[in-house]
Amino acid sequence: MHAVQPPLATASPAGAAAPARHTAVLVITCLALATVVAAMSSLNVALPAIARETHADQSQLSWIIDAYSLVFAALLLPAGALGDRFGRRRALLVGLAVFGSGSALAMTTTSPDALIAVRALLGVGAALVMPATLATITSTFPRERRAGAVSVWAAVAGASAVVGVLVSGSLLQEWSWRSVFLLNVVLAVLAVVGVVARVPESAAPQQPPLDVVGAVLVAAGLGVLVYSIIEAPQHGWTSPATLGGTGLGLLVLIGFLAWELRTPHPLLDPRLFRNRRFAAGTLSIALQFFAFFGFLFVLMQYLQLVRGNSALTAAVSMLPMAATLVPGSRLSPLLGARLGVRRPWVAGLVLAATGLGLFSRVDGGTPYWQLAGTLVVLGAGLGLAMPPATTAITDALPVTQQAVGSAMNYLARELGGALGIAVLGSILTAGYRSHLILPDMPAHAADAARSSLGAAAAMGGPVLAHARTAFVAGLQEALLGGAAAVLLAAVAVALLLRRSTAER
C-alpha cells in the first residue's frame, strides 16, 4: 500500500450501509481471511506424514511451511497496491482462484521440492486475498462499530489457525496429507461464491504509480534473510554462508527503507513509525505471530512424533487454546474501554510469554492436563493482546491512510509468522542435532536420523528413543526463544504507550 491514500471508494457509504449488509461483508471477508490463515497452520499437523512419504528432512519441512509464509509476506505490500489500483473485489477473486488452483495442484505432488514450489504459489494467491479483508471492513463499517468488527477479524485471524489444525487432523485420520489441500480448495470456492454475491468493489479513486523497486527490494531482502536462517543449522550459525547471507538480507532491507524514504510513492513510509501507537501495534503483532506460528510448527511434531498422538488427537489437543483465544479477543475491547488499551494489552503479552515459558518445560512424559493448562494461558494471552494491537495500527492513522494501516497489519502478521517458523524451527533443528546421541550404526542411517525426527521415527527402537530426547531438548530451547520474543513485545508496548494520551 502506498504511504498516502485518498479516501476509499466503496459501493455505498459506510454509514448508509444496512446492518445486514455489514454482517454479510464481515462474514465473507472473514471466510476469505480464514481460508488463507488456516493454510499457514493446517499443514503443520501433516508434517510427520509428509516427512515419511516424501523423505523430507527438517530443513525441507521448514521450507514447506515457510515458502507460503515468506511469499505471502514479501508480496503483501505490492499485492495490496495492485488491489488499490484495480479493485479489491477483483483482487480477492483472482487471489482465491490462484490459491484454489495451487491447492489442487499440490494434491498431485510427490517430492518435497515440488511441494515447496506449490506452497510458494499459494502464497501469491494469499497475498492478493488478504489485503482486501481488513481494508474492506475498515472502509465499510462506521468508526463507532469498527473496533467490534476488527475484534471479530482478529479473533478469526487467530482462531482459524487452530481450527485449520483441528479440521486437518480430522481429515488425516481417514485420508492422506493431500486431503489438507482439498480443504483449501473447498474454502476458496465458498469464498469466491460469497465475494461474487455480496462484496462490493472498492478502489482508491487516485492510483499512484506502483513502487516496483521497493517491491523487488523487500522480496529479495526477506528471501535471503529467511533462507539463511532456515539453512543455518545445516551450515552452522557462525559459518560464512549463514553470516554472509543474514548480513546481505539485512543490507538489502536497509536499502529498501532508504529507498522508501526517497521515492514519492513508497510501498511503506518508514516515517509512520514515529507514531507510538502505530509502532507499538506493528511490533506487537509481529512478535506475537513470530511466537504463535513458530509454536504451532514445533508443537505438531512434538505431539505426534514424541508423544505418539494420532493427527486427530494432536489437533484436538489444541482446543484449550481456542477455548480462551476467541473469548479473550471479544473481551479485550471491553477491557480496553474500561481500563485503557495499555493494561489489557501488556497483560495479554505477559500471559502469552508465560504460557510459552511453561511449555518449554515439557518432556515426553508430561501429562496432558499440564499441556492443556499452558495452552489455556497462551490462548488467553494472545486473545487479549491481538485486538488492541490491530486496532492501534488502524486507529493511529487518519482515514486517508487506512490502506497503509491495513497493509502494515498484514505484513507484521505474515512476516512475524515466517520469521517465527524460520528462527524457532532453526533453533529446534540445531538443538535436535546437537543433543542427538546415536548408537553405532551405518553412516547413511545416522545421517538420515539426524535429518529429522520423522526419519528417526521410521527406524524405531533405540534410535527413536534417542531422537525423541534430542527433539524435546531442541523444542525447549525454541520455545524459550518464543517466550523471550513475546516478553520483549510486552516491554516495548509498555514503554511506547507510557504516556497518558495512549490510554485514550
Protein backbone atom coordinates (compact mmCIF):
# COMPACT_ATOMS: atom_id res chain seq x y z
CA MET A 1 0.00 0.00 0.00
CA HIS A 2 1.16 3.49 -0.68
CA ALA A 3 2.02 5.86 2.10
CA VAL A 4 -0.71 8.40 1.37
CA GLN A 5 -4.11 7.35 0.07
CA PRO A 6 -7.27 9.34 -0.64
CA PRO A 7 -10.48 8.20 0.97
CA LEU A 8 -11.53 4.74 -0.08
CA ALA A 9 -14.30 4.39 -2.65
CA THR A 10 -16.97 1.84 -1.85
CA ALA A 11 -20.25 0.82 -3.41
CA SER A 12 -22.13 2.73 -0.72
CA PRO A 13 -21.09 4.97 2.16
CA ALA A 14 -20.25 3.12 5.33
CA GLY A 15 -22.82 5.00 7.36
CA ALA A 16 -25.60 4.28 4.88
CA ALA A 17 -24.97 0.56 4.64
CA ALA A 18 -27.63 -1.54 6.38
CA PRO A 19 -26.57 -3.65 9.38
CA ALA A 20 -27.41 -6.78 7.39
CA ARG A 21 -25.00 -5.66 4.66
CA HIS A 22 -22.33 -5.01 7.28
CA THR A 23 -22.81 -8.50 8.68
CA ALA A 24 -22.65 -10.14 5.27
CA VAL A 25 -19.46 -8.31 4.35
CA LEU A 26 -17.90 -9.22 7.70
CA VAL A 27 -18.77 -12.91 7.34
CA ILE A 28 -17.48 -13.19 3.78
CA THR A 29 -14.25 -11.29 4.37
CA CYS A 30 -13.59 -13.35 7.50
CA LEU A 31 -14.17 -16.54 5.48
CA ALA A 32 -11.58 -15.38 2.94
CA LEU A 33 -9.25 -14.47 5.81
CA ALA A 34 -9.74 -17.87 7.45
CA THR A 35 -9.01 -19.60 4.15
CA VAL A 36 -5.54 -18.12 3.79
CA VAL A 37 -4.63 -18.06 7.50
CA ALA A 38 -5.67 -21.68 8.04
CA ALA A 39 -3.41 -22.68 5.16
CA MET A 40 -0.41 -21.39 7.10
CA SER A 41 -1.10 -23.65 10.08
CA SER A 42 -3.16 -26.58 8.80
CA LEU A 43 -0.23 -28.28 7.09
CA ASN A 44 1.71 -28.39 10.38
CA VAL A 45 -0.34 -31.36 11.54
CA ALA A 46 0.58 -33.22 8.33
CA LEU A 47 4.35 -32.74 8.66
CA PRO A 48 5.07 -36.21 10.08
CA ALA A 49 3.12 -37.85 7.24
CA ILE A 50 4.82 -35.62 4.66
CA ALA A 51 8.24 -36.48 6.09
CA ARG A 52 7.51 -40.20 5.89
CA GLU A 53 6.10 -40.16 2.36
CA THR A 54 8.38 -37.60 0.67
CA HIS A 55 11.53 -38.23 2.79
CA ALA A 56 11.81 -34.51 3.54
CA ASP A 57 14.49 -33.52 6.04
CA GLN A 58 13.94 -30.97 8.83
CA SER A 59 15.07 -28.03 6.70
CA GLN A 60 12.74 -29.05 3.87
CA LEU A 61 9.87 -29.34 6.35
CA SER A 62 10.59 -25.77 7.43
CA TRP A 63 10.55 -24.66 3.81
CA ILE A 64 7.28 -26.48 3.09
CA ILE A 65 5.65 -24.33 5.77
CA ASP A 66 7.67 -21.16 5.25
CA ALA A 67 7.56 -20.98 1.44
CA TYR A 68 3.92 -20.00 1.80
CA SER A 69 4.50 -17.55 4.65
CA LEU A 70 7.54 -15.93 3.05
CA VAL A 71 5.96 -15.29 -0.35
CA PHE A 72 2.80 -14.17 1.44
CA ALA A 73 4.74 -11.60 3.48
CA ALA A 74 7.04 -10.46 0.66
CA LEU A 75 4.18 -9.76 -1.77
CA LEU A 76 1.64 -8.26 0.63
CA LEU A 77 2.60 -4.64 0.01
CA PRO A 78 2.76 -4.77 -3.81
CA ALA A 79 -0.31 -7.03 -3.97
CA GLY A 80 -2.19 -4.56 -1.78
CA ALA A 81 -1.16 -1.75 -4.10
CA LEU A 82 -2.49 -3.74 -7.06
CA GLY A 83 -5.77 -4.18 -5.19
CA ASP A 84 -5.96 -0.43 -4.64
CA ARG A 85 -5.26 0.17 -8.31
CA PHE A 86 -7.54 -2.39 -9.95
CA GLY A 87 -10.13 -3.05 -7.23
CA ARG A 88 -10.08 -5.08 -4.05
CA ARG A 89 -13.01 -7.28 -5.02
CA ARG A 90 -11.19 -8.17 -8.24
CA ALA A 91 -8.01 -8.90 -6.27
CA LEU A 92 -10.00 -11.16 -3.94
CA LEU A 93 -11.38 -13.16 -6.85
CA VAL A 94 -8.05 -13.52 -8.65
CA GLY A 95 -6.23 -14.40 -5.45
CA LEU A 96 -8.78 -17.01 -4.43
CA ALA A 97 -8.58 -18.54 -7.92
CA VAL A 98 -4.79 -18.79 -7.72
CA PHE A 99 -5.00 -20.15 -4.19
CA GLY A 100 -7.60 -22.78 -5.05
CA SER A 101 -5.87 -23.85 -8.27
CA GLY A 102 -2.50 -24.12 -6.49
CA SER A 103 -4.06 -26.23 -3.76
CA ALA A 104 -5.48 -28.59 -6.38
CA LEU A 105 -2.02 -28.83 -7.95
CA ALA A 106 -0.44 -29.58 -4.56
CA MET A 107 -2.56 -32.71 -4.32
CA THR A 108 -0.56 -34.19 -7.22
CA THR A 109 2.97 -33.55 -5.85
CA THR A 110 5.27 -36.37 -4.72
CA SER A 111 8.55 -34.63 -3.81
CA PRO A 112 9.36 -32.07 -1.10
CA ASP A 113 10.87 -29.63 -3.62
CA ALA A 114 7.71 -29.67 -5.74
CA LEU A 115 5.58 -29.16 -2.65
CA ILE A 116 7.74 -26.20 -1.62
CA ALA A 117 7.24 -24.62 -5.06
CA VAL A 118 3.46 -25.10 -4.97
CA ARG A 119 3.25 -23.67 -1.47
CA ALA A 120 5.03 -20.58 -2.76
CA LEU A 121 2.35 -20.29 -5.48
CA LEU A 122 -0.33 -20.43 -2.80
CA GLY A 123 1.46 -17.54 -1.09
CA VAL A 124 1.00 -15.44 -4.24
CA GLY A 125 -2.75 -16.03 -4.15
CA ALA A 126 -2.96 -15.36 -0.42
CA ALA A 127 -1.09 -12.07 -0.81
CA LEU A 128 -3.78 -10.89 -3.22
CA VAL A 129 -6.60 -12.07 -0.95
CA MET A 130 -5.65 -10.80 2.48
CA PRO A 131 -5.27 -7.04 1.83
CA ALA A 132 -8.90 -6.88 0.73
CA THR A 133 -10.28 -8.21 4.03
CA LEU A 134 -9.41 -5.69 6.74
CA ALA A 135 -9.45 -2.78 4.29
CA THR A 136 -12.99 -3.73 3.28
CA ILE A 137 -14.05 -3.87 6.93
CA THR A 138 -12.46 -0.56 7.93
CA SER A 139 -13.89 1.23 4.89
CA THR A 140 -17.39 -0.29 5.23
CA PHE A 141 -18.05 -0.05 8.97
CA PRO A 142 -18.62 3.31 10.66
CA ARG A 143 -15.99 4.30 13.19
CA GLU A 144 -18.20 3.54 16.22
CA ARG A 145 -18.63 -0.09 15.06
CA ARG A 146 -15.17 -0.56 13.62
CA ALA A 147 -13.46 -1.73 16.83
CA GLY A 148 -16.01 -4.52 17.28
CA ALA A 149 -15.66 -5.63 13.67
CA VAL A 150 -11.87 -5.55 13.93
CA SER A 151 -12.04 -7.65 17.10
CA VAL A 152 -14.01 -10.28 15.14
CA TRP A 153 -11.42 -10.10 12.38
CA ALA A 154 -8.61 -10.53 14.91
CA ALA A 155 -10.40 -13.46 16.56
CA VAL A 156 -10.81 -15.17 13.19
CA ALA A 157 -7.17 -14.49 12.33
CA GLY A 158 -6.04 -16.21 15.50
CA ALA A 159 -8.66 -18.93 15.84
CA SER A 160 -8.66 -20.04 12.20
CA ALA A 161 -5.09 -21.20 12.63
CA VAL A 162 -6.23 -23.53 15.42
CA VAL A 163 -9.41 -24.53 13.59
CA GLY A 164 -7.34 -25.30 10.50
CA VAL A 165 -5.19 -27.65 12.54
CA LEU A 166 -8.28 -29.34 14.00
CA VAL A 167 -10.01 -29.88 10.66
CA SER A 168 -6.78 -31.09 9.07
CA GLY A 169 -6.27 -33.57 11.89
CA SER A 170 -9.77 -34.91 11.27
CA LEU A 171 -9.05 -35.32 7.55
CA LEU A 172 -5.74 -37.06 8.22
CA GLN A 173 -7.50 -39.59 10.40
CA GLU A 174 -9.10 -41.06 7.27
CA TRP A 175 -7.09 -39.78 4.30
CA SER A 176 -3.55 -38.75 3.32
CA TRP A 177 -1.92 -35.35 3.79
CA ARG A 178 -3.20 -34.36 0.34
CA SER A 179 -6.68 -34.04 1.81
CA VAL A 180 -5.48 -30.90 3.61
CA PHE A 181 -5.16 -29.19 0.25
CA LEU A 182 -8.64 -30.35 -0.69
CA LEU A 183 -9.89 -28.35 2.30
CA ASN A 184 -8.18 -25.28 0.80
CA VAL A 185 -9.99 -25.82 -2.49
CA VAL A 186 -13.39 -26.10 -0.79
CA LEU A 187 -12.87 -22.96 1.31
CA ALA A 188 -11.63 -20.99 -1.70
CA VAL A 189 -14.70 -21.93 -3.74
CA LEU A 190 -17.07 -20.94 -0.92
CA ALA A 191 -15.26 -17.62 -0.50
CA VAL A 192 -15.50 -16.89 -4.25
CA VAL A 193 -19.24 -17.50 -4.20
CA GLY A 194 -19.65 -15.12 -1.25
CA VAL A 195 -17.50 -12.40 -2.80
CA VAL A 196 -19.39 -12.54 -6.09
CA ALA A 197 -22.73 -12.39 -4.30
CA ARG A 198 -22.24 -9.76 -1.57
CA VAL A 199 -18.90 -7.90 -1.54
CA PRO A 200 -18.92 -4.55 -3.38
CA GLU A 201 -15.99 -3.33 -5.43
CA SER A 202 -13.73 -0.69 -3.89
CA ALA A 203 -10.57 1.04 -5.03
CA ALA A 204 -8.57 4.20 -4.47
CA PRO A 205 -10.03 6.98 -6.67
CA GLN A 206 -6.49 8.11 -7.45
CA GLN A 207 -3.98 5.46 -8.33
CA PRO A 208 -0.33 6.39 -7.69
CA PRO A 209 2.42 4.50 -9.54
CA LEU A 210 3.39 1.11 -8.20
CA ASP A 211 6.73 1.12 -6.35
CA VAL A 212 8.36 -1.69 -8.35
CA VAL A 213 11.86 -1.06 -6.96
CA GLY A 214 10.58 -1.21 -3.39
CA ALA A 215 8.66 -4.42 -4.12
CA VAL A 216 11.75 -6.12 -5.54
CA LEU A 217 13.97 -4.96 -2.68
CA VAL A 218 11.65 -6.13 0.10
CA ALA A 219 11.04 -9.51 -1.56
CA ALA A 220 14.77 -10.08 -2.16
CA GLY A 221 15.79 -8.98 1.32
CA LEU A 222 13.23 -11.14 3.10
CA GLY A 223 14.00 -14.12 0.87
CA VAL A 224 17.75 -14.04 1.52
CA LEU A 225 17.28 -13.44 5.25
CA VAL A 226 14.79 -16.28 5.79
CA TYR A 227 16.80 -18.66 3.59
CA SER A 228 19.92 -18.01 5.66
CA ILE A 229 18.07 -18.60 8.93
CA ILE A 230 16.42 -21.85 7.83
CA GLU A 231 19.66 -23.25 6.44
CA ALA A 232 21.73 -22.11 9.44
CA PRO A 233 21.63 -25.49 11.26
CA GLN A 234 22.92 -27.16 8.09
CA HIS A 235 25.81 -24.75 7.52
CA GLY A 236 26.41 -23.65 11.12
CA TRP A 237 25.22 -20.46 12.79
CA THR A 238 28.67 -18.86 12.56
CA SER A 239 29.55 -20.15 9.10
CA PRO A 240 30.36 -17.67 6.30
CA ALA A 241 27.24 -18.78 4.42
CA THR A 242 24.94 -18.03 7.37
CA LEU A 243 26.59 -14.78 8.47
CA GLY A 244 27.05 -13.58 4.91
CA GLY A 245 23.50 -14.42 3.88
CA THR A 246 21.99 -12.84 7.01
CA GLY A 247 24.11 -9.73 6.55
CA LEU A 248 23.18 -9.48 2.87
CA GLY A 249 19.47 -9.85 3.64
CA LEU A 250 19.60 -7.14 6.30
CA LEU A 251 21.61 -4.88 3.97
CA VAL A 252 19.00 -5.23 1.22
CA LEU A 253 16.21 -4.47 3.71
CA ILE A 254 18.10 -1.36 4.87
CA GLY A 255 18.34 -0.39 1.21
CA PHE A 256 14.58 -0.89 0.96
CA LEU A 257 13.99 1.53 3.85
CA ALA A 258 16.38 4.07 2.32
CA TRP A 259 14.56 3.83 -0.99
CA GLU A 260 11.16 4.21 0.68
CA LEU A 261 12.33 7.45 2.29
CA ARG A 262 13.28 8.86 -1.11
CA THR A 263 10.60 7.69 -3.50
CA PRO A 264 7.48 9.88 -3.86
CA HIS A 265 5.09 6.89 -3.78
CA PRO A 266 6.51 4.34 -1.33
CA LEU A 267 5.01 0.98 -0.54
CA LEU A 268 5.67 1.81 3.12
CA ASP A 269 6.73 5.14 4.55
CA PRO A 270 9.16 4.47 7.46
CA ARG A 271 8.18 7.82 8.97
CA LEU A 272 4.90 6.24 10.08
CA PHE A 273 6.79 4.56 12.91
CA ARG A 274 7.19 7.93 14.59
CA ASN A 275 3.61 7.38 15.73
CA ARG A 276 3.95 5.48 19.01
CA ARG A 277 0.65 3.63 18.73
CA PHE A 278 1.40 2.56 15.18
CA ALA A 279 4.89 1.38 16.15
CA ALA A 280 3.61 -0.48 19.23
CA GLY A 281 0.87 -2.24 17.27
CA THR A 282 3.17 -3.29 14.45
CA LEU A 283 5.91 -4.61 16.73
CA SER A 284 3.42 -6.40 18.98
CA ILE A 285 1.62 -8.13 16.11
CA ALA A 286 4.90 -9.21 14.50
CA LEU A 287 6.30 -10.73 17.71
CA GLN A 288 3.00 -12.38 18.67
CA PHE A 289 2.80 -14.19 15.34
CA PHE A 290 6.53 -14.89 15.45
CA ALA A 291 5.91 -16.94 18.58
CA PHE A 292 2.46 -18.28 17.62
CA PHE A 293 3.31 -19.83 14.26
CA GLY A 294 6.72 -20.97 15.42
CA PHE A 295 4.96 -22.65 18.34
CA LEU A 296 2.49 -24.45 16.05
CA PHE A 297 5.34 -25.65 13.84
CA VAL A 298 7.21 -27.37 16.67
CA LEU A 299 4.13 -28.41 18.66
CA MET A 300 2.54 -30.60 15.98
CA GLN A 301 5.74 -32.59 15.59
CA TYR A 302 6.09 -32.94 19.36
CA LEU A 303 2.55 -34.23 19.82
CA GLN A 304 2.76 -36.80 17.05
CA LEU A 305 6.39 -37.90 16.97
CA VAL A 306 7.33 -37.57 20.65
CA ARG A 307 4.03 -38.33 22.41
CA GLY A 308 2.82 -40.70 19.69
CA ASN A 309 -0.54 -39.00 19.19
CA SER A 310 -2.52 -39.51 16.01
CA ALA A 311 -3.06 -36.50 13.75
CA LEU A 312 -6.62 -36.09 15.06
CA THR A 313 -5.60 -36.40 18.71
CA ALA A 314 -2.83 -33.87 18.18
CA ALA A 315 -5.28 -31.45 16.59
CA VAL A 316 -7.92 -31.90 19.31
CA SER A 317 -5.20 -31.28 21.89
CA MET A 318 -5.13 -27.66 20.67
CA LEU A 319 -8.74 -26.94 21.65
CA PRO A 320 -7.90 -25.44 25.08
CA MET A 321 -6.06 -22.67 23.27
CA ALA A 322 -9.04 -21.86 21.06
CA ALA A 323 -11.35 -22.02 24.08
CA THR A 324 -9.66 -18.97 25.60
CA LEU A 325 -8.31 -17.20 22.50
CA VAL A 326 -11.71 -16.40 20.98
CA PRO A 327 -13.40 -15.17 24.21
CA GLY A 328 -10.24 -13.23 25.05
CA SER A 329 -10.42 -11.47 21.68
CA ARG A 330 -14.02 -10.46 22.32
CA LEU A 331 -13.30 -9.37 25.91
CA SER A 332 -10.25 -7.29 25.05
CA PRO A 333 -12.10 -4.27 23.55
CA LEU A 334 -14.39 -4.13 26.60
CA LEU A 335 -11.44 -4.14 28.98
CA GLY A 336 -9.70 -1.55 26.84
CA ALA A 337 -12.70 0.77 27.03
CA ARG A 338 -12.82 0.46 30.83
CA LEU A 339 -9.14 0.25 31.80
CA GLY A 340 -7.38 1.84 28.85
CA VAL A 341 -5.82 -0.08 25.98
CA ARG A 342 -2.36 -0.38 27.53
CA ARG A 343 -3.17 -2.55 30.55
CA PRO A 344 -5.03 -5.49 28.95
CA TRP A 345 -2.63 -5.36 26.01
CA VAL A 346 0.50 -5.70 28.15
CA ALA A 347 -1.20 -8.22 30.43
CA GLY A 348 -2.08 -10.36 27.43
CA LEU A 349 1.51 -10.34 26.18
CA VAL A 350 2.83 -11.30 29.61
CA LEU A 351 0.29 -14.15 29.80
CA ALA A 352 1.32 -15.39 26.36
CA ALA A 353 5.01 -15.29 27.29
CA THR A 354 4.20 -17.18 30.48
CA GLY A 355 2.38 -19.88 28.53
CA LEU A 356 5.32 -20.35 26.17
CA GLY A 357 7.73 -20.39 29.10
CA LEU A 358 5.68 -23.10 30.83
CA PHE A 359 5.55 -25.11 27.63
CA SER A 360 9.33 -25.01 27.37
CA ARG A 361 9.44 -27.24 30.47
CA VAL A 362 7.57 -30.18 28.93
CA ASP A 363 9.08 -33.54 28.08
CA GLY A 364 7.83 -36.77 26.53
CA GLY A 365 6.11 -37.84 29.76
CA THR A 366 4.35 -34.61 30.72
CA PRO A 367 0.66 -35.36 31.49
CA TYR A 368 -1.83 -33.80 29.12
CA TRP A 369 -3.59 -31.79 31.83
CA GLN A 370 -0.39 -29.77 32.23
CA LEU A 371 -0.21 -29.19 28.47
CA ALA A 372 -3.85 -28.11 28.44
CA GLY A 373 -3.22 -25.64 31.24
CA THR A 374 -0.36 -23.99 29.36
CA LEU A 375 -2.49 -23.82 26.21
CA VAL A 376 -5.25 -22.08 28.16
CA VAL A 377 -2.79 -19.47 29.42
CA LEU A 378 -1.26 -18.98 25.97
CA GLY A 379 -4.65 -18.67 24.25
CA ALA A 380 -5.94 -16.17 26.81
CA GLY A 381 -2.83 -14.04 26.43
CA LEU A 382 -2.97 -13.98 22.65
CA GLY A 383 -6.70 -13.28 22.74
CA LEU A 384 -6.21 -10.23 24.94
CA ALA A 385 -3.20 -8.90 23.01
CA MET A 386 -4.22 -9.32 19.35
CA PRO A 387 -7.24 -6.95 19.06
CA PRO A 388 -5.65 -3.86 20.67
CA ALA A 389 -2.54 -4.29 18.53
CA THR A 390 -4.63 -4.48 15.35
CA THR A 391 -6.83 -1.55 16.38
CA ALA A 392 -3.80 0.53 17.36
CA ILE A 393 -2.40 0.22 13.85
CA THR A 394 -5.61 1.26 12.09
CA ASP A 395 -6.76 3.91 14.59
CA ALA A 396 -3.35 5.58 14.76
CA LEU A 397 -3.77 6.78 11.18
CA PRO A 398 -6.31 9.13 9.57
CA VAL A 399 -8.92 7.78 7.18
CA THR A 400 -6.79 8.78 4.21
CA GLN A 401 -4.13 6.28 5.36
CA GLN A 402 -6.32 3.34 6.38
CA ALA A 403 -4.96 1.29 3.50
CA VAL A 404 -1.48 1.75 4.92
CA GLY A 405 -2.63 0.59 8.35
CA SER A 406 -4.23 -2.49 6.85
CA ALA A 407 -1.11 -3.29 4.86
CA MET A 408 1.14 -2.99 7.88
CA ASN A 409 -1.14 -5.22 9.92
CA TYR A 410 -0.94 -7.93 7.26
CA LEU A 411 2.79 -7.52 6.79
CA ALA A 412 3.53 -7.65 10.52
CA ARG A 413 1.49 -10.85 10.91
CA GLU A 414 2.88 -12.71 7.93
CA LEU A 415 6.46 -11.53 8.32
CA GLY A 416 6.35 -12.35 12.02
CA GLY A 417 4.94 -15.80 11.25
CA ALA A 418 7.51 -16.50 8.53
CA LEU A 419 10.42 -15.44 10.72
CA GLY A 420 9.00 -17.35 13.70
CA ILE A 421 8.87 -20.60 11.72
CA ALA A 422 12.35 -19.93 10.35
CA VAL A 423 14.00 -18.89 13.62
CA LEU A 424 12.26 -21.25 16.06
CA GLY A 425 12.43 -24.07 13.51
CA SER A 426 16.16 -23.49 13.11
CA ILE A 427 16.70 -23.40 16.88
CA LEU A 428 14.76 -26.67 17.11
CA THR A 429 16.81 -28.27 14.33
CA ALA A 430 20.12 -27.11 15.79
CA GLY A 431 19.15 -28.30 19.27
CA TYR A 432 17.95 -31.66 17.93
CA ARG A 433 21.18 -32.31 16.07
CA SER A 434 23.45 -31.14 18.88
CA HIS A 435 21.70 -33.28 21.53
CA LEU A 436 21.26 -36.38 19.38
CA ILE A 437 23.47 -39.26 20.54
CA LEU A 438 23.13 -42.28 18.27
CA PRO A 439 24.20 -45.89 18.85
CA ASP A 440 26.68 -47.49 16.47
CA MET A 441 25.08 -47.62 13.04
CA PRO A 442 25.96 -47.12 9.35
CA ALA A 443 26.87 -43.57 8.38
CA HIS A 444 23.99 -43.21 5.92
CA ALA A 445 21.48 -44.29 8.57
CA ALA A 446 22.96 -41.88 11.11
CA ASP A 447 22.72 -39.03 8.59
CA ALA A 448 19.08 -39.89 7.95
CA ALA A 449 18.30 -39.89 11.68
CA ARG A 450 19.99 -36.51 12.08
CA SER A 451 17.97 -35.04 9.18
CA SER A 452 14.66 -35.10 11.05
CA LEU A 453 12.75 -36.77 13.86
CA GLY A 454 10.40 -38.16 11.22
CA ALA A 455 13.26 -40.11 9.64
CA ALA A 456 14.38 -41.37 13.05
CA ALA A 457 10.81 -42.43 13.83
CA ALA A 458 10.84 -44.69 10.77
CA MET A 459 13.85 -46.53 12.24
CA GLY A 460 12.22 -47.12 15.62
CA GLY A 461 13.97 -48.82 18.53
CA PRO A 462 16.78 -47.08 20.40
CA VAL A 463 17.31 -44.62 17.54
CA LEU A 464 13.80 -43.24 18.04
CA ALA A 465 14.22 -43.07 21.81
CA HIS A 466 17.42 -41.01 21.50
CA ALA A 467 15.85 -38.85 18.79
CA ARG A 468 12.81 -38.06 20.93
CA THR A 469 15.01 -36.95 23.80
CA ALA A 470 17.04 -34.73 21.48
CA PHE A 471 13.91 -33.28 19.91
CA VAL A 472 12.47 -32.31 23.29
CA ALA A 473 15.73 -30.54 24.15
CA GLY A 474 15.55 -28.57 20.89
CA LEU A 475 11.87 -27.80 21.46
CA GLN A 476 12.59 -26.39 24.93
CA GLU A 477 15.25 -24.07 23.53
CA ALA A 478 12.98 -22.95 20.68
CA LEU A 479 10.02 -22.14 22.93
CA LEU A 480 12.21 -20.20 25.34
CA GLY A 481 13.15 -18.09 22.34
CA GLY A 482 9.47 -17.58 21.55
CA ALA A 483 8.71 -16.59 25.15
CA ALA A 484 11.55 -14.06 25.10
CA ALA A 485 10.19 -12.51 21.89
CA VAL A 486 6.69 -12.02 23.35
CA LEU A 487 8.10 -10.65 26.60
CA LEU A 488 10.12 -8.17 24.54
CA ALA A 489 6.86 -7.09 22.89
CA ALA A 490 5.28 -6.53 26.32
CA VAL A 491 8.15 -4.28 27.41
CA ALA A 492 8.08 -2.35 24.13
CA VAL A 493 4.31 -1.75 24.29
CA ALA A 494 4.51 -0.66 27.93
CA LEU A 495 7.24 1.85 27.10
CA LEU A 496 5.75 3.16 23.85
CA LEU A 497 2.32 3.71 25.41
CA ARG A 498 3.50 5.00 28.75
CA ARG A 499 2.07 8.48 28.11
CA SER A 500 -1.46 9.11 29.29
CA THR A 501 -2.56 10.03 25.75
CA ALA A 502 -2.00 6.43 24.73
CA GLU A 503 -4.80 5.35 27.03
CA ARG A 504 -7.44 7.35 25.20
